[in-house]
Amino acid sequence: MTILVIQALKTLRKTNVTSKTVQMMQSRLDEGDKIAMLKETAQSTDWVYDIIRQIAGEVQEK
């Protein structure tokens, strides 16, 4: 799932990722996906990781 989300973000590019995009991804991903994405993207590009953190919202890394 992480690879798909990263690819989608990179395809959209930073300037085209809106709050609506983040909200849509938040609603479609479960807590497990969000936790995994936080762990798997920690070394990713800064802007991608920042958006992943927004998508994860209040989910805490375990």
C-alpha atoms as a PDB file:
ATOM      1  CA  MET A   1       0.000   0.000   0.000  1.00  0.00           C
ATOM      2  CA  THR A   2       2.849   2.369   0.849  1.00  0.00           C
ATOM      3  CA  ILE A   3       4.344   2.095  -2.618  1.00  0.00           C
ATOM      4  CA  LEU A   4       0.981   2.869  -4.222  1.00  0.00           C
ATOM      5  CA  VAL A   5       0.452   5.946  -2.050  1.00  0.00           C
ATOM      6  CA  ILE A   6       3.987   7.236  -2.693  1.00  0.00           C
ATOM      7  CA  GLN A   7       3.580   6.710  -6.436  1.00  0.00           C
ATOM      8  CA  ALA A   8       0.229   8.524  -6.379  1.00  0.00           C
ATOM      9  CA  LEU A   9       1.752  11.452  -4.484  1.00  0.00           C
ATOM     10  CA  LYS A  10       4.721  11.679  -6.832  1.00  0.00           C
ATOM     11  CA  THR A  11       2.415  11.512  -9.857  1.00  0.00           C
ATOM     12  CA  LEU A  12       0.286  14.342  -8.456  1.00  0.00           C
ATOM     13  CA  ARG A  13       3.413  16.285  -7.432  1.00  0.00           C
ATOM     14  CA  LYS A  14       3.643  18.322  -4.266  1.00  0.00           C
ATOM     15  CA  THR A  15       1.847  21.361  -5.646  1.00  0.00           C
ATOM     16  CA  ASN A  16      -1.234  19.346  -6.617  1.00  0.00           C
ATOM     17  CA  VAL A  17      -1.757  17.480  -3.334  1.00  0.00           C
ATOM     18  CA  THR A  18      -4.623  19.273  -1.603  1.00  0.00           C
ATOM     19  CA  SER A  19      -6.328  18.863   1.746  1.00  0.00           C
ATOM     20  CA  LYS A  20      -9.099  17.045  -0.134  1.00  0.00           C
ATOM     21  CA  THR A  21      -6.517  14.535  -1.420  1.00  0.00           C
ATOM     22  CA  VAL A  22      -5.215  13.990   2.119  1.00  0.00           C
ATOM     23  CA  GLN A  23      -8.750  13.549   3.496  1.00  0.00           C
ATOM     24  CA  MET A  24      -9.626  11.037   0.777  1.00  0.00           C
ATOM     25  CA  MET A  25      -6.555   8.956   1.569  1.00  0.00           C
ATOM     26  CA  GLN A  26      -7.233   9.213   5.324  1.00  0.00           C
ATOM     27  CA  SER A  27     -10.703   7.785   4.837  1.00  0.00           C
ATOM     28  CA  ARG A  28      -9.587   4.909   2.607  1.00  0.00           C
ATOM     29  CA  LEU A  29      -6.613   3.677   4.627  1.00  0.00           C
ATOM     30  CA  ASP A  30      -6.965   1.763   7.859  1.00  0.00           C
ATOM     31  CA  GLU A  31      -4.865   2.379  10.958  1.00  0.00           C
ATOM     32  CA  GLY A  32      -2.500  -0.486  10.124  1.00  0.00           C
ATOM     33  CA  ASP A  33      -1.778   0.957   6.685  1.00  0.00           C
ATOM     34  CA  LYS A  34      -1.104   4.369   8.187  1.00  0.00           C
ATOM     35  CA  ILE A  35       1.302   2.981  10.793  1.00  0.00           C
ATOM     36  CA  ALA A  36       3.143   0.964   8.151  1.00  0.00           C
ATOM     37  CA  MET A  37       3.413   3.997   5.874  1.00  0.00           C
ATOM     38  CA  LEU A  38       4.901   6.109   8.655  1.00  0.00           C
ATOM     39  CA  LYS A  39       7.580   3.498   9.296  1.00  0.00           C
ATOM     40  CA  GLU A  40       8.290   2.765   5.651  1.00  0.00           C
ATOM     41  CA  THR A  41       8.555   6.386   4.504  1.00  0.00           C
ATOM     42  CA  ALA A  42      10.672   7.793   7.323  1.00  0.00           C
ATOM     43  CA  GLN A  43      13.664   7.990   4.954  1.00  0.00           C
ATOM     44  CA  SER A  44      11.625   9.209   1.993  1.00  0.00           C
ATOM     45  CA  THR A  45      11.663  12.642   0.418  1.00  0.00           C
ATOM     46  CA  ASP A  46      10.756  15.291   3.004  1.00  0.00           C
ATOM     47  CA  TRP A  47       7.595  16.493   1.263  1.00  0.00           C
ATOM     48  CA  VAL A  48       6.323  12.932   0.746  1.00  0.00           C
ATOM     49  CA  TYR A  49       6.929  12.065   4.397  1.00  0.00           C
ATOM     50  CA  ASP A  50       5.193  15.272   5.519  1.00  0.00           C
ATOM     51  CA  ILE A  51       2.097  14.364   3.516  1.00  0.00           C
ATOM     52  CA  ILE A  52       2.174  10.775   4.808  1.00  0.00           C
ATOM     53  CA  ARG A  53       2.236  12.223   8.340  1.00  0.00           C
ATOM     54  CA  GLN A  54      -0.828  14.331   7.468  1.00  0.00           C
ATOM     55  CA  ILE A  55      -2.589  11.271   6.080  1.00  0.00           C
ATOM     56  CA  ALA A  56      -1.752   9.283   9.209  1.00  0.00           C
ATOM     57  CA  GLY A  57      -3.203  12.063  11.376  1.00  0.00           C
ATOM     58  CA  GLU A  58      -3.374  11.044  15.007  1.00  0.00           C
ATOM     59  CA  VAL A  59      -2.060   7.519  14.445  1.00  0.00           C
ATOM     60  CA  GLN A  60       1.041   6.873  16.516  1.00  0.00           C
ATOM     61  CA  GLU A  61       3.964   4.758  15.297  1.00  0.00           C
ATOM     62  CA  LYS A  62       4.384   1.518  17.221  1.00  0.00           C
END
